[in-house]
Amino acid sequence: MTTPMEPPSKPSLPPLLEVRGLSRSFGGIHAVEELSFDVAQDGIMGLIGPNGAGKTTVFNLITGAYRPTAGTICLRGIDLTKKRPHEIVRAGVSRTFQNIRLFNRMTCLENVMVPLLARGKSMLGTFFRTPFARGEEQRARETALAVMKDVGLADAAHRVASTLPYGLQRKLEIARALACGFSGQGPSVQGPSVQRPSAQGPRLLLLDEPAAGMNDAETRELGEVILKVQKDFGVTMMLIEHHIELVMDICTHVAVMDRGTLLAEGSPRDVRGDERVIAAYLGRPRARRELERT
C-alpha cells in the first residue's frame, strides 16, 4: 500500500516591509525603541496597543514624516529610511490620518482626483488646456470614479466633502490614499473595479484608526470595505485600531506595542491569548469587553 503524496507546499513570499531596530527619540522621550517586525505581502497587519504606545510614530517614520534616530525601513528591498515623503509615496506607500484631512470645500471626486493630477506629466499643458492635458484630466476622473465605486462612494462623487457623514469621510480618505498610488495617467478601468497593473497602484496602505468615532454598525461596514479594497487592489495593509473586534475579524497578523517597544506579535488568536497582552492592553475594561465578543 502506497502512502499518498502530500501536495507541494506553497512557497512563502518575502516580506513586503521589513523594519529593523527602529528607534525615535524626542528629547529624552523614547517614543519608539529597537522595534523590529515584518509586514507580509497581500495581508492585513494590525498594530495595536494602549494610547501613547508609539503606533502613530511608527506610521510617521514609515512615511517619512519623521526621521528615525536609529534603524532601517525597507520596502521590497528598497531602503526608505532616508527618503522624503513624496519619494516614499512613489515607492508605493500611501496612508490615511488619525484626524481626517480632506479638502472640505472640494467635492469628493475632486478630493480623489487631486493626487492623480498632481502626478500628471503636463503642468504647462494644464494651464493652456492642451488636448494632452484634457486627456490626463479625463483619465484621472475615470480612475477616481472607479476607486470611489470600490469603496462605496459612487453616489457621493459630486457632494462637497464637508457635507458627508463622518463614516463616509473616512471612506473618502481611503479612496484618496488609494489614488495616491496611481500615476497621473491612471490605470485601465474595467467594470466596477480598478484593474491595477503590477507597476502601478499602492503596494502598502497604512490606515491610522480608520474606525475612530464610528458605531458598531459603521465599524462592521468599514471592515467589509477594507477587505474588499485589499482583494480588488491587491494591496497590503497595515492598520492602527482600537476596535479590537475589527482587528480580530480582518487582520491576518497582529503586532502589539507598549511604551515604544514590541510586546507581542502573531495571529489574532495567538495575540488574544497572550498573558502579557492581556495584562498590558486587552485587560483594560473596554478592550476586554470587545475581546469577549470576538
C-alpha atoms as a PDB file:
ATOM      1  CA  MET A   1       0.000   0.000   0.000  1.00  0.00           C
ATOM      2  CA  THR A   2       1.474   3.276  -1.060  1.00  0.00           C
ATOM      3  CA  THR A   3       1.356   6.416   1.027  1.00  0.00           C
ATOM      4  CA  PRO A   4      -0.467   9.285  -0.734  1.00  0.00           C
ATOM      5  CA  MET A   5       1.787  12.124  -1.692  1.00  0.00           C
ATOM      6  CA  GLU A   6       1.314  15.400   0.119  1.00  0.00           C
ATOM      7  CA  PRO A   7       0.583  18.403  -2.088  1.00  0.00           C
ATOM      8  CA  PRO A   8       3.586  20.668  -2.534  1.00  0.00           C
ATOM      9  CA  SER A   9       3.636  23.497  -0.058  1.00  0.00           C
ATOM     10  CA  LYS A  10       3.060  26.969  -1.403  1.00  0.00           C
ATOM     11  CA  PRO A  11       6.301  28.947  -1.341  1.00  0.00           C
ATOM     12  CA  SER A  12       6.181  31.823   1.109  1.00  0.00           C
ATOM     13  CA  LEU A  13       6.647  35.304  -0.297  1.00  0.00           C
ATOM     14  CA  PRO A  14       9.355  37.581   1.114  1.00  0.00           C
ATOM     15  CA  PRO A  15       8.032  40.328   3.402  1.00  0.00           C
ATOM     16  CA  LEU A  16       6.783  43.461   1.689  1.00  0.00           C
ATOM     17  CA  LEU A  17       8.032  45.698   4.510  1.00  0.00           C
ATOM     18  CA  GLU A  18      10.950  44.988   6.842  1.00  0.00           C
ATOM     19  CA  VAL A  19      11.517  47.145   9.922  1.00  0.00           C
ATOM     20  CA  ARG A  20      14.723  46.542  11.853  1.00  0.00           C
ATOM     21  CA  GLY A  21      15.887  48.181  15.089  1.00  0.00           C
ATOM     22  CA  LEU A  22      13.664  51.218  14.563  1.00  0.00           C
ATOM     23  CA  SER A  23      14.035  53.934  17.190  1.00  0.00           C
ATOM     24  CA  ARG A  24      12.887  57.515  17.525  1.00  0.00           C
ATOM     25  CA  SER A  25      13.517  59.844  20.447  1.00  0.00           C
ATOM     26  CA  PHE A  26      12.077  63.278  21.145  1.00  0.00           C
ATOM     27  CA  GLY A  27      14.498  64.847  23.590  1.00  0.00           C
ATOM     28  CA  GLY A  28      14.690  62.382  26.455  1.00  0.00           C
ATOM     29  CA  ILE A  29      11.489  60.552  25.479  1.00  0.00           C
ATOM     30  CA  HIS A  30      11.880  57.261  23.613  1.00  0.00           C
ATOM     31  CA  ALA A  31       8.708  57.119  21.512  1.00  0.00           C
ATOM     32  CA  VAL A  32       9.893  54.026  19.609  1.00  0.00           C
ATOM     33  CA  GLU A  33      12.769  51.845  20.784  1.00  0.00           C
ATOM     34  CA  GLU A  34      14.506  48.959  18.970  1.00  0.00           C
ATOM     35  CA  LEU A  35      11.352  47.967  17.099  1.00  0.00           C
ATOM     36  CA  SER A  36      11.571  45.159  14.528  1.00  0.00           C
ATOM     37  CA  PHE A  37       8.788  43.458  12.553  1.00  0.00           C
ATOM     38  CA  ASP A  38       7.811  42.310   9.048  1.00  0.00           C
ATOM     39  CA  VAL A  39       4.665  43.025   7.062  1.00  0.00           C
ATOM     40  CA  ALA A  40       3.761  40.071   4.849  1.00  0.00           C
ATOM     41  CA  GLN A  41       2.656  40.638   1.262  1.00  0.00           C
ATOM     42  CA  ASP A  42      -1.068  40.586   0.447  1.00  0.00           C
ATOM     43  CA  GLY A  43      -2.148  40.545   4.080  1.00  0.00           C
ATOM     44  CA  ILE A  44      -3.626  42.924   6.641  1.00  0.00           C
ATOM     45  CA  MET A  45      -1.483  43.604   9.691  1.00  0.00           C
ATOM     46  CA  GLY A  46      -2.944  45.187  12.811  1.00  0.00           C
ATOM     47  CA  LEU A  47      -0.813  47.405  15.049  1.00  0.00           C
ATOM     48  CA  ILE A  48      -2.445  47.760  18.446  1.00  0.00           C
ATOM     49  CA  GLY A  49      -1.544  48.954  21.920  1.00  0.00           C
ATOM     50  CA  PRO A  50      -2.582  51.476  24.563  1.00  0.00           C
ATOM     51  CA  ASN A  51      -2.568  55.203  23.872  1.00  0.00           C
ATOM     52  CA  GLY A  52       0.981  56.542  23.846  1.00  0.00           C
ATOM     53  CA  ALA A  53       2.488  53.204  22.801  1.00  0.00           C
ATOM     54  CA  GLY A  54       4.137  54.794  19.745  1.00  0.00           C
ATOM     55  CA  LYS A  55       1.895  53.409  16.992  1.00  0.00           C
ATOM     56  CA  THR A  56       1.315  56.618  15.031  1.00  0.00           C
ATOM     57  CA  THR A  57       5.000  57.477  15.423  1.00  0.00           C
ATOM     58  CA  VAL A  58       5.761  54.217  13.593  1.00  0.00           C
ATOM     59  CA  PHE A  59       3.479  55.286  10.728  1.00  0.00           C
ATOM     60  CA  ASN A  60       5.166  58.694  10.632  1.00  0.00           C
ATOM     61  CA  LEU A  61       8.569  57.008  10.424  1.00  0.00           C
ATOM     62  CA  ILE A  62       7.485  54.664   7.622  1.00  0.00           C
ATOM     63  CA  THR A  63       6.057  57.553   5.580  1.00  0.00           C
ATOM     64  CA  GLY A  64       8.996  59.903   6.125  1.00  0.00           C
ATOM     65  CA  ALA A  65       7.227  62.470   8.292  1.00  0.00           C
ATOM     66  CA  TYR A  66       9.857  61.690  10.949  1.00  0.00           C
ATOM     67  CA  ARG A  67      13.435  60.533  10.503  1.00  0.00           C
ATOM     68  CA  PRO A  68      14.416  57.598  12.721  1.00  0.00           C
ATOM     69  CA  THR A  69      17.057  58.035  15.397  1.00  0.00           C
ATOM     70  CA  ALA A  70      18.247  54.524  14.501  1.00  0.00           C
ATOM     71  CA  GLY A  71      17.179  51.522  12.469  1.00  0.00           C
ATOM     72  CA  THR A  72      16.074  50.806   8.895  1.00  0.00           C
ATOM     73  CA  ILE A  73      12.815  50.542   6.949  1.00  0.00           C
ATOM     74  CA  CYS A  74      12.851  48.594   3.675  1.00  0.00           C
ATOM     75  CA  LEU A  75      10.028  48.160   1.157  1.00  0.00           C
ATOM     76  CA  ARG A  76      10.692  45.243  -1.201  1.00  0.00           C
ATOM     77  CA  GLY A  77      14.410  45.622  -0.524  1.00  0.00           C
ATOM     78  CA  ILE A  78      14.370  49.402  -1.140  1.00  0.00           C
ATOM     79  CA  ASP A  79      15.673  51.396   1.819  1.00  0.00           C
ATOM     80  CA  LEU A  80      13.099  54.072   2.718  1.00  0.00           C
ATOM     81  CA  THR A  81      14.903  55.262   5.836  1.00  0.00           C
ATOM     82  CA  LYS A  82      16.307  58.492   4.401  1.00  0.00           C
ATOM     83  CA  LYS A  83      13.799  59.114   1.627  1.00  0.00           C
ATOM     84  CA  ARG A  84      11.477  62.106   1.590  1.00  0.00           C
ATOM     85  CA  PRO A  85       7.709  61.658   1.935  1.00  0.00           C
ATOM     86  CA  HIS A  86       6.963  62.168  -1.784  1.00  0.00           C
ATOM     87  CA  GLU A  87       9.651  59.616  -2.691  1.00  0.00           C
ATOM     88  CA  ILE A  88       8.091  57.110  -0.312  1.00  0.00           C
ATOM     89  CA  VAL A  89       4.680  57.665  -1.905  1.00  0.00           C
ATOM     90  CA  ARG A  90       6.203  56.995  -5.317  1.00  0.00           C
ATOM     91  CA  ALA A  91       7.797  53.829  -3.936  1.00  0.00           C
ATOM     92  CA  GLY A  92       4.285  52.573  -3.187  1.00  0.00           C
ATOM     93  CA  VAL A  93       3.294  53.655   0.340  1.00  0.00           C
ATOM     94  CA  SER A  94       0.052  55.573   0.997  1.00  0.00           C
ATOM     95  CA  ARG A  95      -1.704  56.455   4.239  1.00  0.00           C
ATOM     96  CA  THR A  96      -4.720  57.918   5.964  1.00  0.00           C
ATOM     97  CA  PHE A  97      -4.545  60.002   9.137  1.00  0.00           C
ATOM     98  CA  GLN A  98      -5.916  59.712  12.641  1.00  0.00           C
ATOM     99  CA  ASN A  99      -7.551  63.117  12.190  1.00  0.00           C
ATOM    100  CA  ILE A 100      -9.438  63.440   8.903  1.00  0.00           C
ATOM    101  CA  ARG A 101      -7.588  65.709   6.462  1.00  0.00           C
ATOM    102  CA  LEU A 102      -9.837  66.310   3.475  1.00  0.00           C
ATOM    103  CA  PHE A 103     -10.206  69.313   1.185  1.00  0.00           C
ATOM    104  CA  ASN A 104     -13.517  70.232   2.757  1.00  0.00           C
ATOM    105  CA  ARG A 105     -14.683  72.752   0.145  1.00  0.00           C
ATOM    106  CA  MET A 106     -13.994  70.444  -2.782  1.00  0.00           C
ATOM    107  CA  THR A 107     -16.253  67.663  -3.996  1.00  0.00           C
ATOM    108  CA  CYS A 108     -15.485  64.055  -3.147  1.00  0.00           C
ATOM    109  CA  LEU A 109     -14.489  63.425  -6.763  1.00  0.00           C
ATOM    110  CA  GLU A 110     -12.104  66.385  -6.731  1.00  0.00           C
ATOM    111  CA  ASN A 111     -10.531  65.113  -3.487  1.00  0.00           C
ATOM    112  CA  VAL A 112      -9.706  61.782  -5.113  1.00  0.00           C
ATOM    113  CA  MET A 113      -8.543  63.419  -8.358  1.00  0.00           C
ATOM    114  CA  VAL A 114      -6.012  65.687  -6.625  1.00  0.00           C
ATOM    115  CA  PRO A 115      -3.230  63.078  -6.188  1.00  0.00           C
ATOM    116  CA  LEU A 116      -3.850  61.738  -9.694  1.00  0.00           C
ATOM    117  CA  LEU A 117      -3.481  65.155 -11.310  1.00  0.00           C
ATOM    118  CA  ALA A 118      -0.530  66.071  -9.085  1.00  0.00           C
ATOM    119  CA  ARG A 119       1.448  63.266 -10.710  1.00  0.00           C
ATOM    120  CA  GLY A 120       0.491  64.230 -14.257  1.00  0.00           C
ATOM    121  CA  LYS A 121       3.126  64.911 -16.885  1.00  0.00           C
ATOM    122  CA  SER A 122       1.886  68.169 -18.343  1.00  0.00           C
ATOM    123  CA  MET A 123       1.737  71.051 -15.840  1.00  0.00           C
ATOM    124  CA  LEU A 124       2.200  73.703 -18.548  1.00  0.00           C
ATOM    125  CA  GLY A 125      -0.308  71.895 -20.721  1.00  0.00           C
ATOM    126  CA  THR A 126      -2.797  72.011 -17.867  1.00  0.00           C
ATOM    127  CA  PHE A 127      -2.504  75.791 -17.779  1.00  0.00           C
ATOM    128  CA  PHE A 128      -3.153  76.111 -21.511  1.00  0.00           C
ATOM    129  CA  ARG A 129      -5.743  73.289 -21.570  1.00  0.00           C
ATOM    130  CA  THR A 130      -3.950  71.346 -24.305  1.00  0.00           C
ATOM    131  CA  PRO A 131      -5.546  68.147 -25.700  1.00  0.00           C
ATOM    132  CA  PHE A 132      -2.963  66.043 -23.823  1.00  0.00           C
ATOM    133  CA  ALA A 133      -3.771  67.778 -20.531  1.00  0.00           C
ATOM    134  CA  ARG A 134      -7.506  67.339 -21.108  1.00  0.00           C
ATOM    135  CA  GLY A 135      -6.864  63.651 -21.747  1.00  0.00           C
ATOM    136  CA  GLU A 136      -4.941  63.345 -18.477  1.00  0.00           C
ATOM    137  CA  GLU A 137      -7.788  65.001 -16.626  1.00  0.00           C
ATOM    138  CA  GLN A 138     -10.354  62.663 -18.163  1.00  0.00           C
ATOM    139  CA  ARG A 139      -8.294  59.591 -17.255  1.00  0.00           C
ATOM    140  CA  ALA A 140      -7.890  60.905 -13.711  1.00  0.00           C
ATOM    141  CA  ARG A 141     -11.655  61.425 -13.486  1.00  0.00           C
ATOM    142  CA  GLU A 142     -12.379  57.871 -14.679  1.00  0.00           C
ATOM    143  CA  THR A 143      -9.849  56.396 -12.261  1.00  0.00           C
ATOM    144  CA  ALA A 144     -11.191  58.445  -9.342  1.00  0.00           C
ATOM    145  CA  LEU A 145     -14.773  57.380 -10.070  1.00  0.00           C
ATOM    146  CA  ALA A 146     -13.739  53.719 -10.257  1.00  0.00           C
ATOM    147  CA  VAL A 147     -11.861  53.953  -6.948  1.00  0.00           C
ATOM    148  CA  MET A 148     -14.843  55.664  -5.303  1.00  0.00           C
ATOM    149  CA  LYS A 149     -17.153  52.934  -6.569  1.00  0.00           C
ATOM    150  CA  ASP A 150     -14.933  50.298  -4.987  1.00  0.00           C
ATOM    151  CA  VAL A 151     -15.174  51.942  -1.560  1.00  0.00           C
ATOM    152  CA  GLY A 152     -18.922  52.584  -1.844  1.00  0.00           C
ATOM    153  CA  LEU A 153     -18.856  56.317  -2.604  1.00  0.00           C
ATOM    154  CA  ALA A 154     -20.070  56.384  -6.212  1.00  0.00           C
ATOM    155  CA  ASP A 155     -23.296  58.175  -5.264  1.00  0.00           C
ATOM    156  CA  ALA A 156     -21.402  60.877  -3.346  1.00  0.00           C
ATOM    157  CA  ALA A 157     -18.979  61.850  -6.124  1.00  0.00           C
ATOM    158  CA  HIS A 158     -20.354  65.371  -6.581  1.00  0.00           C
ATOM    159  CA  ARG A 159     -21.099  66.147  -2.957  1.00  0.00           C
ATOM    160  CA  VAL A 160     -18.909  68.631  -1.100  1.00  0.00           C
ATOM    161  CA  ALA A 161     -16.624  66.659   1.221  1.00  0.00           C
ATOM    162  CA  SER A 162     -17.608  68.585   4.367  1.00  0.00           C
ATOM    163  CA  THR A 163     -21.273  67.592   3.919  1.00  0.00           C
ATOM    164  CA  LEU A 164     -20.569  63.861   4.199  1.00  0.00           C
ATOM    165  CA  PRO A 165     -21.352  61.964   7.402  1.00  0.00           C
ATOM    166  CA  TYR A 166     -18.284  61.100   9.457  1.00  0.00           C
ATOM    167  CA  GLY A 167     -18.178  57.468   8.369  1.00  0.00           C
ATOM    168  CA  LEU A 168     -18.248  58.387   4.670  1.00  0.00           C
ATOM    169  CA  GLN A 169     -15.473  60.923   5.199  1.00  0.00           C
ATOM    170  CA  ARG A 170     -13.327  58.053   6.499  1.00  0.00           C
ATOM    171  CA  LYS A 171     -14.090  56.093   3.335  1.00  0.00           C
ATOM    172  CA  LEU A 172     -13.193  59.136   1.232  1.00  0.00           C
ATOM    173  CA  GLU A 173      -9.798  59.279   2.923  1.00  0.00           C
ATOM    174  CA  ILE A 174      -9.206  55.650   1.997  1.00  0.00           C
ATOM    175  CA  ALA A 175     -10.197  56.362  -1.624  1.00  0.00           C
ATOM    176  CA  ARG A 176      -7.791  59.312  -1.816  1.00  0.00           C
ATOM    177  CA  ALA A 177      -4.974  57.274  -0.268  1.00  0.00           C
ATOM    178  CA  LEU A 178      -5.521  54.579  -2.898  1.00  0.00           C
ATOM    179  CA  ALA A 179      -5.442  57.198  -5.650  1.00  0.00           C
ATOM    180  CA  CYS A 180      -2.056  58.420  -4.372  1.00  0.00           C
ATOM    181  CA  GLY A 181      -0.535  55.188  -5.614  1.00  0.00           C
ATOM    182  CA  PHE A 182      -1.576  55.607  -9.240  1.00  0.00           C
ATOM    183  CA  SER A 183       0.281  57.602 -11.858  1.00  0.00           C
ATOM    184  CA  GLY A 184      -1.257  60.691 -13.413  1.00  0.00           C
ATOM    185  CA  GLN A 185      -2.333  58.730 -16.460  1.00  0.00           C
ATOM    186  CA  GLY A 186      -4.219  56.278 -14.282  1.00  0.00           C
ATOM    187  CA  PRO A 187      -4.774  52.561 -14.656  1.00  0.00           C
ATOM    188  CA  SER A 188      -7.156  50.909 -17.042  1.00  0.00           C
ATOM    189  CA  VAL A 189     -10.712  50.876 -15.779  1.00  0.00           C
ATOM    190  CA  GLN A 190     -12.848  47.832 -16.440  1.00  0.00           C
ATOM    191  CA  GLY A 191     -16.216  47.276 -14.868  1.00  0.00           C
ATOM    192  CA  PRO A 192     -16.754  48.050 -11.191  1.00  0.00           C
ATOM    193  CA  SER A 193     -13.139  47.919 -10.091  1.00  0.00           C
ATOM    194  CA  VAL A 194      -9.820  49.437 -10.983  1.00  0.00           C
ATOM    195  CA  GLN A 195      -7.603  46.843 -12.626  1.00  0.00           C
ATOM    196  CA  ARG A 196      -4.255  47.612 -11.012  1.00  0.00           C
ATOM    197  CA  PRO A 197      -1.245  46.924 -13.255  1.00  0.00           C
ATOM    198  CA  SER A 198       1.722  45.490 -11.376  1.00  0.00           C
ATOM    199  CA  ALA A 199       3.753  48.651 -11.938  1.00  0.00           C
ATOM    200  CA  GLN A 200       1.052  50.978 -10.572  1.00  0.00           C
ATOM    201  CA  GLY A 201      -1.034  51.447  -7.512  1.00  0.00           C
ATOM    202  CA  PRO A 202      -0.137  51.483  -3.826  1.00  0.00           C
ATOM    203  CA  ARG A 203       1.689  48.446  -2.523  1.00  0.00           C
ATOM    204  CA  LEU A 204       1.301  49.297   1.150  1.00  0.00           C
ATOM    205  CA  LEU A 205      -1.682  51.199   2.559  1.00  0.00           C
ATOM    206  CA  LEU A 206      -1.417  52.488   6.136  1.00  0.00           C
ATOM    207  CA  LEU A 207      -4.714  53.188   7.916  1.00  0.00           C
ATOM    208  CA  ASP A 208      -4.440  55.193  11.142  1.00  0.00           C
ATOM    209  CA  GLU A 209      -7.512  54.446  13.289  1.00  0.00           C
ATOM    210  CA  PRO A 210      -9.949  54.204  10.351  1.00  0.00           C
ATOM    211  CA  ALA A 211     -12.861  53.266  12.634  1.00  0.00           C
ATOM    212  CA  ALA A 212     -12.318  56.079  15.148  1.00  0.00           C
ATOM    213  CA  GLY A 213     -15.636  57.654  16.094  1.00  0.00           C
ATOM    214  CA  MET A 214     -17.757  55.001  14.381  1.00  0.00           C
ATOM    215  CA  ASN A 215     -20.548  52.981  15.955  1.00  0.00           C
ATOM    216  CA  ASP A 216     -20.627  49.178  15.783  1.00  0.00           C
ATOM    217  CA  ALA A 217     -22.640  49.030  12.544  1.00  0.00           C
ATOM    218  CA  GLU A 218     -20.370  51.541  10.807  1.00  0.00           C
ATOM    219  CA  THR A 219     -17.306  49.662  12.024  1.00  0.00           C
ATOM    220  CA  ARG A 220     -18.573  46.364  10.609  1.00  0.00           C
ATOM    221  CA  GLU A 221     -19.309  48.048   7.270  1.00  0.00           C
ATOM    222  CA  LEU A 222     -15.839  49.593   7.244  1.00  0.00           C
ATOM    223  CA  GLY A 223     -14.320  46.153   7.837  1.00  0.00           C
ATOM    224  CA  GLU A 224     -16.125  44.868   4.741  1.00  0.00           C
ATOM    225  CA  VAL A 225     -14.822  47.818   2.718  1.00  0.00           C
ATOM    226  CA  ILE A 226     -11.239  47.207   3.875  1.00  0.00           C
ATOM    227  CA  LEU A 227     -11.431  43.533   2.905  1.00  0.00           C
ATOM    228  CA  LYS A 228     -12.899  44.437  -0.495  1.00  0.00           C
ATOM    229  CA  VAL A 229     -10.209  47.034  -1.158  1.00  0.00           C
ATOM    230  CA  GLN A 230      -7.486  44.575  -0.170  1.00  0.00           C
ATOM    231  CA  LYS A 231      -8.870  41.991  -2.583  1.00  0.00           C
ATOM    232  CA  ASP A 232      -9.712  44.298  -5.507  1.00  0.00           C
ATOM    233  CA  PHE A 233      -6.478  46.295  -5.433  1.00  0.00           C
ATOM    234  CA  GLY A 234      -4.123  43.547  -4.276  1.00  0.00           C
ATOM    235  CA  VAL A 235      -2.733  45.990  -1.746  1.00  0.00           C
ATOM    236  CA  THR A 236      -1.056  45.047   1.531  1.00  0.00           C
ATOM    237  CA  MET A 237      -2.475  46.907   4.523  1.00  0.00           C
ATOM    238  CA  MET A 238      -1.319  47.890   7.964  1.00  0.00           C
ATOM    239  CA  LEU A 239      -3.769  49.478  10.353  1.00  0.00           C
ATOM    240  CA  ILE A 240      -3.716  51.077  13.779  1.00  0.00           C
ATOM    241  CA  GLU A 241      -7.004  50.441  15.526  1.00  0.00           C
ATOM    242  CA  HIS A 242      -8.546  50.433  18.998  1.00  0.00           C
ATOM    243  CA  HIS A 243     -11.628  48.484  17.910  1.00  0.00           C
ATOM    244  CA  ILE A 244     -10.302  45.060  18.901  1.00  0.00           C
ATOM    245  CA  GLU A 245     -13.241  43.250  17.321  1.00  0.00           C
ATOM    246  CA  LEU A 246     -12.419  44.800  13.937  1.00  0.00           C
ATOM    247  CA  VAL A 247      -8.739  43.862  14.268  1.00  0.00           C
ATOM    248  CA  MET A 248      -9.560  40.260  15.175  1.00  0.00           C
ATOM    249  CA  ASP A 249     -12.047  39.968  12.305  1.00  0.00           C
ATOM    250  CA  ILE A 250      -9.976  41.273   9.381  1.00  0.00           C
ATOM    251  CA  CYS A 251      -6.278  41.097  10.267  1.00  0.00           C
ATOM    252  CA  THR A 252      -4.064  38.169   9.281  1.00  0.00           C
ATOM    253  CA  HIS A 253      -1.280  39.219  11.674  1.00  0.00           C
ATOM    254  CA  VAL A 254      -1.228  41.434  14.754  1.00  0.00           C
ATOM    255  CA  ALA A 255       1.617  43.267  16.474  1.00  0.00           C
ATOM    256  CA  VAL A 256       1.193  44.761  19.931  1.00  0.00           C
ATOM    257  CA  MET A 257       3.201  47.766  21.109  1.00  0.00           C
ATOM    258  CA  ASP A 258       3.658  49.039  24.643  1.00  0.00           C
ATOM    259  CA  ARG A 259       5.807  52.045  25.602  1.00  0.00           C
ATOM    260  CA  GLY A 260       7.545  52.160  22.232  1.00  0.00           C
ATOM    261  CA  THR A 261       8.555  48.502  22.113  1.00  0.00           C
ATOM    262  CA  LEU A 262       7.129  45.360  20.565  1.00  0.00           C
ATOM    263  CA  LEU A 263       5.274  43.438  23.263  1.00  0.00           C
ATOM    264  CA  ALA A 264       3.974  40.525  21.187  1.00  0.00           C
ATOM    265  CA  GLU A 265       3.045  39.532  17.653  1.00  0.00           C
ATOM    266  CA  GLY A 266       1.391  36.653  15.839  1.00  0.00           C
ATOM    267  CA  SER A 267      -2.000  35.556  14.579  1.00  0.00           C
ATOM    268  CA  PRO A 268      -5.073  37.220  16.112  1.00  0.00           C
ATOM    269  CA  ARG A 269      -5.723  34.007  18.055  1.00  0.00           C
ATOM    270  CA  ASP A 270      -2.167  33.924  19.436  1.00  0.00           C
ATOM    271  CA  VAL A 271      -2.194  37.574  20.455  1.00  0.00           C
ATOM    272  CA  ARG A 272      -5.638  37.283  22.028  1.00  0.00           C
ATOM    273  CA  GLY A 273      -4.380  34.575  24.366  1.00  0.00           C
ATOM    274  CA  ASP A 274      -1.033  36.164  25.266  1.00  0.00           C
ATOM    275  CA  GLU A 275      -0.951  36.927  29.000  1.00  0.00           C
ATOM    276  CA  ARG A 276       1.393  39.880  28.501  1.00  0.00           C
ATOM    277  CA  VAL A 277      -1.033  41.467  26.050  1.00  0.00           C
ATOM    278  CA  ILE A 278      -3.979  40.857  28.356  1.00  0.00           C
ATOM    279  CA  ALA A 279      -2.125  42.471  31.240  1.00  0.00           C
ATOM    280  CA  ALA A 280      -0.851  45.492  29.288  1.00  0.00           C
ATOM    281  CA  TYR A 281      -3.752  46.217  26.984  1.00  0.00           C
ATOM    282  CA  LEU A 282      -6.555  43.726  26.490  1.00  0.00           C
ATOM    283  CA  GLY A 283      -7.162  43.516  30.221  1.00  0.00           C
ATOM    284  CA  ARG A 284      -8.468  47.061  30.215  1.00  0.00           C
ATOM    285  CA  PRO A 285     -12.269  47.056  30.659  1.00  0.00           C
ATOM    286  CA  ARG A 286     -13.311  48.345  27.224  1.00  0.00           C
ATOM    287  CA  ALA A 287     -10.781  46.213  25.357  1.00  0.00           C
ATOM    288  CA  ARG A 288     -11.769  43.140  27.372  1.00  0.00           C
ATOM    289  CA  ARG A 289     -15.462  43.663  26.543  1.00  0.00           C
ATOM    290  CA  GLU A 290     -14.651  43.877  22.840  1.00  0.00           C
ATOM    291  CA  LEU A 291     -12.406  40.827  23.076  1.00  0.00           C
ATOM    292  CA  GLU A 292     -15.162  38.761  24.688  1.00  0.00           C
ATOM    293  CA  ARG A 293     -17.421  39.465  21.702  1.00  0.00           C
ATOM    294  CA  THR A 294     -14.891  38.070  19.169  1.00  0.00           C
END
